[in-house]
Amino acid sequence: MIETTLEKIAERILALDEASLASLWSTYKKRMEDFDFSREWEKSVIVFFIINAVRAKNQIFNDKLLKAQQDGERVKHPATKPDLKLVKS
């Protein structure tokens, strides 16, 4: 149950625009630094780390992609359609 919930949250987060998330980084950093004993502060910490997680994921992805391209590997994103060729018409 918890794992399924976390997977659904991850899917929703992956659908968000990185630029929009990045624009919120400083807002949530400031909220996190202004500690108080509230649920809002707790949510701010979680959001801040979610934004950082997306940034880290994208950095790792881009580094691996660049290395693969430099090594001459053909890189396909898993969401792309498979390479198909006509065998018989």
C-alpha atoms as a PDB file:
ATOM      1  CA  MET A   1       0.000   0.000   0.000  1.00  0.00           C
ATOM      2  CA  ILE A   2       2.681   2.531   0.973  1.00  0.00           C
ATOM      3  CA  GLU A   3       4.851   1.513  -1.959  1.00  0.00           C
ATOM      4  CA  THR A   4       1.953   1.947  -4.380  1.00  0.00           C
ATOM      5  CA  THR A   5       1.204   5.377  -2.936  1.00  0.00           C
ATOM      6  CA  LEU A   6       4.839   6.446  -3.266  1.00  0.00           C
ATOM      7  CA  GLU A   7       4.957   5.182  -6.873  1.00  0.00           C
ATOM      8  CA  LYS A   8       1.859   7.250  -7.703  1.00  0.00           C
ATOM      9  CA  ILE A   9       3.386  10.321  -6.062  1.00  0.00           C
ATOM     10  CA  ALA A  10       6.580   9.789  -8.091  1.00  0.00           C
ATOM     11  CA  GLU A  11       4.568   9.549 -11.332  1.00  0.00           C
ATOM     12  CA  ARG A  12       2.837  12.835 -10.556  1.00  0.00           C
ATOM     13  CA  ILE A  13       6.117  14.533  -9.679  1.00  0.00           C
ATOM     14  CA  LEU A  14       7.763  13.298 -12.887  1.00  0.00           C
ATOM     15  CA  ALA A  15       4.937  14.914 -14.845  1.00  0.00           C
ATOM     16  CA  LEU A  16       5.747  18.349 -13.392  1.00  0.00           C
ATOM     17  CA  ASP A  17       7.784  20.876 -15.347  1.00  0.00           C
ATOM     18  CA  GLU A  18      11.339  21.149 -14.018  1.00  0.00           C
ATOM     19  CA  ALA A  19      11.554  24.875 -14.774  1.00  0.00           C
ATOM     20  CA  SER A  20       8.416  25.518 -12.734  1.00  0.00           C
ATOM     21  CA  LEU A  21       9.821  23.472  -9.865  1.00  0.00           C
ATOM     22  CA  ALA A  22      13.156  25.280 -10.070  1.00  0.00           C
ATOM     23  CA  SER A  23      11.405  28.643  -9.837  1.00  0.00           C
ATOM     24  CA  LEU A  24       9.945  27.550  -6.483  1.00  0.00           C
ATOM     25  CA  TRP A  25      13.243  26.363  -5.011  1.00  0.00           C
ATOM     26  CA  SER A  26      14.193  29.610  -3.246  1.00  0.00           C
ATOM     27  CA  THR A  27      10.657  30.079  -1.887  1.00  0.00           C
ATOM     28  CA  TYR A  28      10.656  26.678  -0.223  1.00  0.00           C
ATOM     29  CA  LYS A  29      14.250  27.032   0.912  1.00  0.00           C
ATOM     30  CA  LYS A  30      13.321  30.224   2.735  1.00  0.00           C
ATOM     31  CA  ARG A  31      10.211  28.632   4.268  1.00  0.00           C
ATOM     32  CA  MET A  32      12.263  25.651   5.420  1.00  0.00           C
ATOM     33  CA  GLU A  33      14.893  27.893   7.014  1.00  0.00           C
ATOM     34  CA  ASP A  34      12.187  29.817   8.927  1.00  0.00           C
ATOM     35  CA  PHE A  35      11.507  26.991  11.361  1.00  0.00           C
ATOM     36  CA  ASP A  36       8.336  26.808  13.366  1.00  0.00           C
ATOM     37  CA  PHE A  37       6.329  23.978  14.913  1.00  0.00           C
ATOM     38  CA  SER A  38       3.704  23.842  12.178  1.00  0.00           C
ATOM     39  CA  ARG A  39       2.436  21.386   9.611  1.00  0.00           C
ATOM     40  CA  GLU A  40       3.118  24.057   6.965  1.00  0.00           C
ATOM     41  CA  TRP A  41       6.811  24.068   7.865  1.00  0.00           C
ATOM     42  CA  GLU A  42       6.892  20.266   7.606  1.00  0.00           C
ATOM     43  CA  LYS A  43       5.291  20.394   4.143  1.00  0.00           C
ATOM     44  CA  SER A  44       7.786  23.057   3.069  1.00  0.00           C
ATOM     45  CA  VAL A  45      10.672  20.765   3.989  1.00  0.00           C
ATOM     46  CA  ILE A  46       9.161  17.897   2.001  1.00  0.00           C
ATOM     47  CA  VAL A  47       8.525  20.106  -1.052  1.00  0.00           C
ATOM     48  CA  PHE A  48      12.048  21.535  -0.872  1.00  0.00           C
ATOM     49  CA  PHE A  49      13.557  18.054  -0.926  1.00  0.00           C
ATOM     50  CA  ILE A  50      11.234  16.899  -3.701  1.00  0.00           C
ATOM     51  CA  ILE A  51      12.449  19.805  -5.844  1.00  0.00           C
ATOM     52  CA  ASN A  52      16.053  18.886  -5.017  1.00  0.00           C
ATOM     53  CA  ALA A  53      15.354  15.232  -5.848  1.00  0.00           C
ATOM     54  CA  VAL A  54      14.024  16.154  -9.291  1.00  0.00           C
ATOM     55  CA  ARG A  55      17.042  18.382  -9.904  1.00  0.00           C
ATOM     56  CA  ALA A  56      19.444  15.607  -8.832  1.00  0.00           C
ATOM     57  CA  LYS A  57      17.609  13.024 -10.966  1.00  0.00           C
ATOM     58  CA  ASN A  58      17.827  15.284 -14.018  1.00  0.00           C
ATOM     59  CA  GLN A  59      21.523  15.981 -13.414  1.00  0.00           C
ATOM     60  CA  ILE A  60      22.303  12.259 -13.204  1.00  0.00           C
ATOM     61  CA  PHE A  61      20.172  11.566 -16.281  1.00  0.00           C
ATOM     62  CA  ASN A  62      21.875  14.305 -18.304  1.00  0.00           C
ATOM     63  CA  ASP A  63      25.362  13.197 -17.221  1.00  0.00           C
ATOM     64  CA  LYS A  64      24.649   9.586 -18.224  1.00  0.00           C
ATOM     65  CA  LEU A  65      23.108  10.690 -21.507  1.00  0.00           C
ATOM     66  CA  LEU A  66      26.096  12.877 -22.368  1.00  0.00           C
ATOM     67  CA  LYS A  67      28.560  10.109 -21.494  1.00  0.00           C
ATOM     68  CA  ALA A  68      26.659   7.589 -23.599  1.00  0.00           C
ATOM     69  CA  GLN A  69      26.628   9.990 -26.554  1.00  0.00           C
ATOM     70  CA  GLN A  70      30.355  10.667 -26.162  1.00  0.00           C
ATOM     71  CA  ASP A  71      30.983   6.916 -26.108  1.00  0.00           C
ATOM     72  CA  GLY A  72      29.031   6.594 -29.360  1.00  0.00           C
ATOM     73  CA  GLU A  73      26.188   4.624 -27.832  1.00  0.00           C
ATOM     74  CA  ARG A  74      22.741   4.897 -29.308  1.00  0.00           C
ATOM     75  CA  VAL A  75      20.479   6.218 -26.574  1.00  0.00           C
ATOM     76  CA  LYS A  76      16.746   5.739 -26.499  1.00  0.00           C
ATOM     77  CA  HIS A  77      14.433   7.117 -23.896  1.00  0.00           C
ATOM     78  CA  PRO A  78      12.221   4.327 -22.524  1.00  0.00           C
ATOM     79  CA  ALA A  79       9.099   6.276 -23.444  1.00  0.00           C
ATOM     80  CA  THR A  80       9.990   6.310 -27.137  1.00  0.00           C
ATOM     81  CA  LYS A  81       8.477   3.958 -29.646  1.00  0.00           C
ATOM     82  CA  PRO A  82      10.533   0.897 -30.561  1.00  0.00           C
ATOM     83  CA  ASP A  83      12.505   0.803 -33.797  1.00  0.00           C
ATOM     84  CA  LEU A  84      10.417  -1.123 -36.273  1.00  0.00           C
ATOM     85  CA  LYS A  85      11.235  -2.156 -39.795  1.00  0.00           C
ATOM     86  CA  LEU A  86       8.996  -3.478 -42.488  1.00  0.00           C
ATOM     87  CA  VAL A  87       9.787  -7.150 -43.024  1.00  0.00           C
ATOM     88  CA  LYS A  88       7.208  -7.982 -45.674  1.00  0.00           C
ATOM     89  CA  SER A  89       4.679  -5.791 -47.444  1.00  0.00           C
END
